[in-house]
N, C-alpha and C. Protein backbone atom coordinates (compact mmCIF):
# COMPACT_ATOMS: atom_id res chain seq x y z
N THR A 1 29.76 5.41 24.85
CA THR A 1 30.00 4.28 23.88
C THR A 1 29.14 4.35 22.97
N TYR A 2 28.13 5.39 22.89
CA TYR A 2 27.16 5.70 21.90
C TYR A 2 27.61 6.31 20.59
N PRO A 3 27.01 5.79 19.38
CA PRO A 3 27.70 6.04 18.22
C PRO A 3 27.54 7.80 17.95
N LEU A 4 28.59 8.21 17.24
CA LEU A 4 28.68 9.57 16.93
C LEU A 4 27.25 10.07 15.95
N VAL A 5 26.70 9.12 15.53
CA VAL A 5 25.58 9.49 14.59
C VAL A 5 24.44 10.07 15.25
N SER A 6 23.69 11.36 14.62
CA SER A 6 22.77 11.95 15.55
C SER A 6 21.46 10.73 15.48
N GLN A 7 20.81 10.92 16.50
CA GLN A 7 19.48 10.29 16.58
C GLN A 7 18.43 10.36 15.37
N SER A 8 18.37 11.44 14.91
CA SER A 8 17.32 11.97 13.76
C SER A 8 17.48 11.06 12.53
N ARG A 9 18.78 10.34 12.44
CA ARG A 9 18.75 9.57 11.45
C ARG A 9 18.13 8.11 11.26
N TYR A 10 17.61 7.57 12.52
CA TYR A 10 16.85 6.59 12.71
C TYR A 10 15.30 6.97 12.42
N HIS A 11 14.62 6.11 11.68
CA HIS A 11 13.39 6.23 11.52
C HIS A 11 12.74 5.41 12.42
N THR A 12 11.76 5.71 13.18
CA THR A 12 10.73 4.77 13.99
C THR A 12 9.28 5.51 13.68
N PHE A 13 8.48 4.45 13.66
CA PHE A 13 7.04 4.70 13.46
C PHE A 13 6.39 3.53 14.24
N LYS A 14 5.99 3.92 15.75
CA LYS A 14 5.60 2.81 16.66
C LYS A 14 4.12 3.12 16.81
N VAL A 15 3.56 4.17 16.96
CA VAL A 15 2.27 4.57 17.30
C VAL A 15 1.51 3.57 18.37
N GLY A 16 2.26 3.24 19.52
CA GLY A 16 1.62 2.40 20.31
C GLY A 16 1.04 1.05 19.92
N ARG A 17 1.70 0.35 18.81
CA ARG A 17 1.46 -0.89 18.53
C ARG A 17 2.52 -1.81 18.49
N THR A 18 2.28 -3.18 18.36
CA THR A 18 3.24 -4.18 18.17
C THR A 18 3.70 -4.17 16.68
N GLY A 19 4.95 -4.63 16.68
CA GLY A 19 5.56 -4.80 15.21
C GLY A 19 4.23 -5.40 14.16
N SER A 20 3.83 -6.62 14.78
CA SER A 20 2.94 -7.36 13.54
C SER A 20 1.71 -6.63 13.41
N HIS A 21 1.11 -5.65 14.50
CA HIS A 21 0.31 -4.95 14.55
C HIS A 21 0.36 -3.89 13.58
N ARG A 22 1.42 -3.27 13.50
CA ARG A 22 1.79 -2.32 12.81
C ARG A 22 2.03 -2.81 11.30
N ARG A 23 2.73 -3.80 10.89
CA ARG A 23 2.84 -4.37 9.48
C ARG A 23 1.50 -4.82 9.17
N ALA A 24 0.55 -5.50 9.67
CA ALA A 24 -0.91 -5.47 9.36
C ALA A 24 -1.72 -4.44 9.01
N MET A 25 -1.39 -3.25 9.96
CA MET A 25 -2.03 -2.12 9.55
C MET A 25 -1.58 -1.48 8.13
N ILE A 26 -0.44 -1.44 8.01
CA ILE A 26 0.01 -0.91 6.97
C ILE A 26 -0.36 -1.47 5.67
N ALA A 27 -0.07 -2.92 5.59
CA ALA A 27 -0.80 -3.69 4.84
C ALA A 27 -2.09 -3.41 4.15
N ASN A 28 -2.92 -3.39 5.16
CA ASN A 28 -4.52 -3.22 5.00
C ASN A 28 -4.68 -1.97 4.40
N MET A 29 -3.88 -0.85 4.96
CA MET A 29 -4.12 0.49 4.39
C MET A 29 -3.62 0.54 3.11
N LEU A 30 -2.37 -0.19 2.71
CA LEU A 30 -1.95 -0.17 1.46
C LEU A 30 -2.94 -0.66 0.50
N LYS A 31 -3.55 -1.82 0.76
CA LYS A 31 -4.71 -2.53 -0.11
C LYS A 31 -5.82 -1.70 -0.40
N SER A 32 -6.35 -0.93 0.87
CA SER A 32 -7.31 0.10 0.57
C SER A 32 -7.15 1.22 -0.44
N LEU A 33 -5.87 1.70 -0.18
CA LEU A 33 -5.48 2.95 -1.12
C LEU A 33 -5.20 2.37 -2.41
N ILE A 34 -4.82 1.25 -2.60
CA ILE A 34 -4.44 0.98 -4.38
C ILE A 34 -5.90 0.58 -4.64
N GLU A 35 -6.85 0.04 -4.05
CA GLU A 35 -8.05 -0.33 -4.38
C GLU A 35 -8.95 0.77 -4.93
N VAL A 36 -8.94 1.67 -3.81
CA VAL A 36 -9.96 2.81 -3.91
C VAL A 36 -9.14 4.17 -4.46
N GLY A 37 -7.96 4.32 -4.32
CA GLY A 37 -7.09 5.46 -4.74
C GLY A 37 -7.16 6.52 -3.90
N ARG A 38 -7.94 6.65 -2.63
CA ARG A 38 -7.86 7.50 -1.62
C ARG A 38 -8.65 7.23 -0.44
N ILE A 39 -7.79 7.35 0.70
CA ILE A 39 -8.33 6.89 1.94
C ILE A 39 -8.16 7.98 2.92
N SER A 40 -8.91 8.12 4.09
CA SER A 40 -8.85 8.92 5.13
C SER A 40 -8.22 8.17 6.30
N THR A 41 -7.34 9.06 6.89
CA THR A 41 -6.70 8.54 8.13
C THR A 41 -5.97 9.65 8.99
N THR A 42 -5.13 9.27 9.75
CA THR A 42 -4.37 10.45 10.51
C THR A 42 -3.35 10.71 9.67
N VAL A 43 -2.64 11.97 10.18
CA VAL A 43 -1.58 12.34 9.30
C VAL A 43 -0.36 11.71 9.77
N VAL A 44 -0.27 10.93 10.90
CA VAL A 44 1.15 10.28 11.25
C VAL A 44 1.11 8.84 10.53
N LYS A 45 -0.10 8.38 10.24
CA LYS A 45 -0.48 7.10 9.67
C LYS A 45 -0.06 7.39 8.04
N ALA A 46 -0.56 8.34 7.63
CA ALA A 46 -0.51 8.93 6.17
C ALA A 46 1.00 8.99 5.88
N LYS A 47 1.78 9.72 6.61
CA LYS A 47 3.10 9.96 6.56
C LYS A 47 3.87 8.58 6.08
N GLU A 48 3.45 7.80 7.27
CA GLU A 48 4.23 6.53 7.18
C GLU A 48 3.71 5.68 6.02
N LEU A 49 2.26 5.81 5.75
CA LEU A 49 1.86 5.01 4.38
C LEU A 49 2.48 5.54 3.28
N ARG A 50 2.80 6.76 3.05
CA ARG A 50 3.57 7.21 1.72
C ARG A 50 4.73 6.76 1.59
N ARG A 51 5.51 6.24 2.50
CA ARG A 51 6.81 5.44 2.00
C ARG A 51 6.54 4.36 1.64
N HIS A 52 5.59 3.53 2.23
CA HIS A 52 5.41 2.18 1.43
C HIS A 52 4.46 2.37 0.24
N ALA A 53 3.49 3.26 0.29
CA ALA A 53 2.86 3.48 -1.22
C ALA A 53 3.71 3.77 -2.19
N ASP A 54 4.82 4.62 -2.08
CA ASP A 54 5.67 4.96 -3.14
C ASP A 54 6.33 3.80 -3.63
N ARG A 55 6.81 3.33 -2.65
CA ARG A 55 7.83 2.01 -2.98
C ARG A 55 6.64 0.75 -3.55
N MET A 56 5.59 0.78 -3.48
CA MET A 56 4.75 0.00 -4.41
C MET A 56 4.84 0.35 -5.85
N ILE A 57 4.37 1.56 -6.08
CA ILE A 57 4.63 2.00 -7.40
C ILE A 57 5.84 1.94 -7.94
N THR A 58 6.78 1.87 -7.09
CA THR A 58 8.36 1.66 -7.71
C THR A 58 8.39 0.09 -8.48
N TRP A 59 7.88 -0.47 -7.64
CA TRP A 59 7.90 -1.87 -7.98
C TRP A 59 7.01 -2.15 -9.30
N ALA A 60 5.47 -1.58 -9.13
CA ALA A 60 4.75 -1.65 -10.19
C ALA A 60 5.48 -1.24 -11.45
N LYS A 61 6.44 -0.20 -11.60
CA LYS A 61 6.88 0.50 -12.77
C LYS A 61 8.15 -0.66 -13.20
N GLU A 62 8.75 -1.42 -12.28
CA GLU A 62 9.88 -2.18 -12.60
C GLU A 62 8.92 -3.53 -13.40
N ASN A 63 7.73 -4.02 -13.00
CA ASN A 63 6.92 -5.09 -13.35
C ASN A 63 7.44 -6.41 -13.65
N THR A 64 8.34 -6.80 -12.83
CA THR A 64 9.32 -7.89 -12.86
C THR A 64 8.77 -9.28 -11.81
N LEU A 65 9.12 -10.15 -12.09
CA LEU A 65 8.68 -11.14 -11.08
C LEU A 65 9.14 -10.99 -9.54
N ALA A 66 10.31 -10.48 -9.60
CA ALA A 66 10.77 -10.00 -8.14
C ALA A 66 10.07 -9.11 -7.70
N ALA A 67 9.80 -8.09 -8.20
CA ALA A 67 8.73 -6.96 -8.02
C ALA A 67 7.38 -7.29 -7.67
N LYS A 68 7.07 -8.15 -8.35
CA LYS A 68 5.86 -8.69 -7.91
C LYS A 68 5.72 -9.59 -6.76
N ARG A 69 6.74 -10.11 -6.33
CA ARG A 69 6.88 -11.04 -5.09
C ARG A 69 7.12 -10.05 -4.02
N ASN A 70 7.85 -9.14 -4.31
CA ASN A 70 8.11 -8.21 -3.02
C ASN A 70 6.71 -7.46 -2.81
N ALA A 71 6.04 -7.00 -3.54
CA ALA A 71 4.78 -6.53 -3.57
C ALA A 71 3.80 -7.32 -2.38
N ILE A 72 3.85 -8.51 -3.18
CA ILE A 72 2.85 -9.69 -2.50
C ILE A 72 3.14 -9.81 -0.99
N ALA A 73 4.44 -9.97 -0.78
CA ALA A 73 4.95 -10.32 0.59
C ALA A 73 4.68 -8.95 1.45
N ARG A 74 4.82 -7.56 0.77
CA ARG A 74 4.65 -6.20 1.70
C ARG A 74 3.23 -6.39 2.05
N LEU A 75 2.36 -6.78 0.85
CA LEU A 75 0.68 -6.71 1.00
C LEU A 75 0.27 -7.72 1.77
N ARG A 76 1.00 -8.54 2.17
CA ARG A 76 0.57 -9.97 2.78
C ARG A 76 -0.63 -10.40 2.11
N VAL A 77 -0.33 -10.54 0.85
CA VAL A 77 -1.47 -11.18 -0.29
C VAL A 77 -1.82 -12.81 0.22
N SER A 78 -2.85 -13.22 0.33
CA SER A 78 -3.16 -14.76 0.48
C SER A 78 -3.57 -15.24 -0.88
N PHE A 79 -3.20 -15.90 -1.35
CA PHE A 79 -3.68 -16.29 -2.93
C PHE A 79 -4.22 -17.81 -2.53
N ASN A 80 -5.38 -17.84 -2.46
CA ASN A 80 -6.21 -18.97 -2.20
C ASN A 80 -6.46 -19.80 -3.46
N PRO A 81 -6.20 -21.07 -3.47
CA PRO A 81 -6.01 -21.68 -5.07
C PRO A 81 -7.47 -21.50 -5.67
N LEU A 82 -7.57 -21.52 -6.96
CA LEU A 82 -8.80 -21.63 -7.53
C LEU A 82 -9.29 -22.97 -7.84
N SER A 83 -10.55 -23.21 -7.89
CA SER A 83 -11.08 -24.49 -8.17
C SER A 83 -10.81 -24.53 -9.94
N PRO A 84 -10.66 -25.70 -10.38
CA PRO A 84 -10.88 -25.96 -11.63
C PRO A 84 -11.80 -25.04 -12.67
N LYS A 85 -12.89 -25.16 -11.93
CA LYS A 85 -14.09 -24.16 -12.63
C LYS A 85 -13.68 -22.95 -12.95
N GLU A 86 -13.30 -22.29 -11.52
CA GLU A 86 -12.86 -21.07 -11.31
C GLU A 86 -11.72 -20.52 -12.45
N ALA A 87 -10.86 -21.52 -12.51
CA ALA A 87 -9.83 -21.38 -13.06
C ALA A 87 -10.10 -21.15 -14.82
N ARG A 88 -10.95 -21.90 -15.22
CA ARG A 88 -11.60 -21.90 -16.49
C ARG A 88 -12.30 -20.40 -16.89
N ALA A 89 -12.96 -20.09 -15.65
CA ALA A 89 -13.69 -18.76 -15.90
C ALA A 89 -12.69 -17.53 -15.91
N VAL A 90 -11.65 -17.64 -15.08
CA VAL A 90 -10.63 -16.64 -15.12
C VAL A 90 -10.00 -16.72 -16.46
N LYS A 91 -9.67 -17.64 -17.08
CA LYS A 91 -9.01 -17.68 -18.46
C LYS A 91 -9.65 -17.14 -19.55
N LYS A 92 -11.26 -17.24 -19.41
CA LYS A 92 -12.17 -16.59 -20.32
C LYS A 92 -12.32 -15.03 -20.19
N GLY A 93 -11.85 -14.52 -18.88
CA GLY A 93 -11.63 -13.11 -18.63
C GLY A 93 -12.58 -12.58 -17.40
N ASP A 94 -13.40 -13.67 -16.77
CA ASP A 94 -14.26 -13.30 -15.71
C ASP A 94 -13.22 -13.46 -14.26
N LYS A 95 -13.08 -12.19 -13.85
CA LYS A 95 -12.39 -12.13 -12.58
C LYS A 95 -13.03 -11.99 -11.48
N SER A 96 -14.35 -12.42 -11.65
CA SER A 96 -15.27 -12.27 -10.29
C SER A 96 -14.72 -13.49 -9.16
N SER A 97 -14.33 -14.35 -9.84
CA SER A 97 -13.75 -15.56 -8.74
C SER A 97 -12.62 -15.14 -7.95
N TYR A 98 -12.01 -14.10 -8.30
CA TYR A 98 -10.59 -13.78 -7.61
C TYR A 98 -11.09 -13.22 -6.39
N ASN A 99 -9.90 -13.23 -5.30
CA ASN A 99 -10.45 -12.50 -3.83
C ASN A 99 -9.88 -11.29 -4.15
N ARG A 100 -10.00 -10.45 -2.96
CA ARG A 100 -9.69 -8.86 -3.09
C ARG A 100 -8.11 -8.66 -3.38
N ASP A 101 -7.29 -9.54 -2.69
CA ASP A 101 -5.97 -9.48 -2.92
C ASP A 101 -5.36 -9.76 -4.20
N ARG A 102 -5.92 -10.57 -5.11
CA ARG A 102 -5.47 -10.92 -6.28
C ARG A 102 -5.93 -9.43 -7.13
N LEU A 103 -7.19 -8.98 -7.02
CA LEU A 103 -7.52 -7.67 -7.88
C LEU A 103 -6.64 -6.48 -7.57
N VAL A 104 -6.23 -6.38 -6.15
CA VAL A 104 -5.12 -5.29 -5.64
C VAL A 104 -4.03 -5.72 -6.47
N ILE A 105 -3.44 -6.63 -6.56
CA ILE A 105 -2.19 -6.77 -7.37
C ILE A 105 -2.36 -6.50 -8.73
N ASP A 106 -3.63 -7.07 -9.52
CA ASP A 106 -3.48 -6.71 -10.78
C ASP A 106 -3.78 -5.32 -11.19
N LYS A 107 -4.41 -4.66 -10.23
CA LYS A 107 -4.59 -3.43 -9.85
C LYS A 107 -3.17 -2.37 -10.13
N LEU A 108 -2.10 -2.85 -9.25
CA LEU A 108 -1.29 -2.22 -8.91
C LEU A 108 -0.37 -2.31 -10.07
N PHE A 109 0.02 -3.78 -10.72
CA PHE A 109 0.83 -3.94 -11.85
C PHE A 109 -0.06 -3.61 -13.10
N GLY A 110 -1.29 -3.42 -13.00
CA GLY A 110 -1.85 -3.40 -14.59
C GLY A 110 -2.16 -1.73 -14.71
N GLU A 111 -2.59 -1.22 -13.66
CA GLU A 111 -3.05 0.36 -14.14
C GLU A 111 -2.00 1.29 -13.25
N LEU A 112 -1.79 1.13 -12.05
CA LEU A 112 -1.20 2.09 -11.31
C LEU A 112 0.45 2.37 -11.89
N GLY A 113 1.12 1.06 -12.05
CA GLY A 113 2.19 1.18 -12.53
C GLY A 113 2.68 1.86 -14.06
N PRO A 114 1.93 1.64 -14.93
CA PRO A 114 1.94 2.12 -16.15
C PRO A 114 1.68 3.72 -16.11
N ARG A 115 0.73 3.96 -15.00
CA ARG A 115 0.00 5.39 -15.06
C ARG A 115 1.23 6.38 -14.67
N PHE A 116 2.34 5.81 -13.84
CA PHE A 116 3.48 6.62 -13.41
C PHE A 116 4.78 6.31 -13.97
N THR A 117 4.81 5.91 -15.33
CA THR A 117 6.12 5.49 -15.68
C THR A 117 6.72 6.76 -16.06
N GLU A 118 6.21 7.90 -16.35
CA GLU A 118 7.06 9.15 -16.84
C GLU A 118 7.49 9.90 -15.47
N ARG A 119 6.62 9.60 -14.20
CA ARG A 119 6.99 10.37 -13.00
C ARG A 119 7.90 9.62 -12.23
N GLN A 120 9.08 10.45 -11.82
CA GLN A 120 10.02 10.15 -10.87
C GLN A 120 10.05 9.88 -9.75
N GLY A 121 9.06 10.20 -9.04
CA GLY A 121 8.82 9.76 -7.66
C GLY A 121 7.56 10.95 -6.95
N GLY A 122 7.22 10.90 -5.92
CA GLY A 122 6.28 11.48 -5.45
C GLY A 122 4.87 11.16 -5.97
N TYR A 123 4.03 9.78 -5.65
CA TYR A 123 3.16 9.52 -6.40
C TYR A 123 1.92 9.63 -5.42
N THR A 124 2.06 10.09 -4.20
CA THR A 124 1.00 10.20 -3.24
C THR A 124 0.86 11.75 -2.92
N ARG A 125 -0.30 12.27 -2.41
CA ARG A 125 -0.65 13.51 -2.02
C ARG A 125 -1.35 13.24 -0.57
N ILE A 126 -0.79 14.34 0.32
CA ILE A 126 -1.56 14.22 1.73
C ILE A 126 -2.20 15.60 1.71
N ILE A 127 -3.83 15.49 1.82
CA ILE A 127 -4.47 16.78 1.93
C ILE A 127 -5.05 16.57 3.40
N ARG A 128 -4.75 17.68 4.26
CA ARG A 128 -5.09 17.82 5.62
C ARG A 128 -6.43 18.04 5.65
N THR A 129 -7.37 17.57 6.36
CA THR A 129 -8.84 17.86 6.50
C THR A 129 -9.26 18.47 7.92
N GLY A 130 -8.45 18.46 8.69
CA GLY A 130 -8.78 19.03 10.37
C GLY A 130 -8.72 17.97 11.27
N ASP A 131 -9.14 18.17 12.31
CA ASP A 131 -9.11 17.51 13.53
C ASP A 131 -10.26 16.43 13.73
N ARG A 132 -9.93 15.29 14.24
CA ARG A 132 -11.17 14.49 14.52
C ARG A 132 -11.94 14.74 15.64
N VAL A 133 -13.27 14.49 15.77
CA VAL A 133 -13.96 14.73 16.73
C VAL A 133 -13.65 14.25 18.15
N GLY A 134 -13.82 12.84 18.23
CA GLY A 134 -13.47 12.35 19.53
C GLY A 134 -12.19 12.68 20.34
N ASP A 135 -11.03 12.40 19.45
CA ASP A 135 -9.68 12.52 20.19
C ASP A 135 -8.79 14.08 19.57
N ASN A 136 -9.15 14.82 18.73
CA ASN A 136 -8.76 15.62 18.27
C ASN A 136 -7.47 15.65 17.35
N ALA A 137 -7.24 14.23 17.08
CA ALA A 137 -6.26 14.01 16.40
C ALA A 137 -6.35 14.51 14.74
N PRO A 138 -5.05 14.90 14.22
CA PRO A 138 -5.37 15.66 13.07
C PRO A 138 -5.35 14.58 12.04
N THR A 139 -6.38 14.83 11.04
CA THR A 139 -6.98 13.83 9.90
C THR A 139 -6.41 14.39 8.66
N CYS A 140 -6.35 13.47 7.62
CA CYS A 140 -6.08 13.87 6.38
C CYS A 140 -6.69 12.87 5.30
N TYR A 141 -6.57 13.14 4.06
CA TYR A 141 -6.68 12.23 2.93
C TYR A 141 -5.20 11.97 2.25
N ILE A 142 -5.23 10.56 1.98
CA ILE A 142 -3.87 10.37 1.09
C ILE A 142 -4.38 9.69 -0.02
N GLU A 143 -3.78 10.16 -1.24
CA GLU A 143 -4.34 9.66 -2.37
C GLU A 143 -3.19 9.50 -3.55
N TYR A 144 -3.42 8.72 -4.36
CA TYR A 144 -2.29 8.83 -5.76
C TYR A 144 -2.79 9.82 -6.41
N LEU A 145 -1.83 10.37 -7.03
CA LEU A 145 -1.97 11.56 -8.12
C LEU A 145 -2.42 11.08 -9.26
């Protein structure tokens, strides 16, 4: 009674973590990748992160309210309310009162989306760097082009 579909069609990425831990790990890695542009990680994590990072750029290229909400949900962004004084400062152009999450969304939709408007896909690059000293895990850099 098994399906006639081969098992290779199912995508799994578990790496010995619970579902909530995996989602939190991917969200944190995505924030760091958007913020810095290049992070160092293991090859397995980078290959999974590439799927999500490319989807973020696709949403940033759309630049709609629904796309922003999807990105906010995937990145697990927490919008703490600004005090009236902080809100006035932000209106004047001072974004120092923003938390890290708001700055990540601004960078994603303000810089990265327009940067890749002409590109049809493949927004990230994985560069292998060798094996890690402690456990011999293959490591790499993942970066936006």
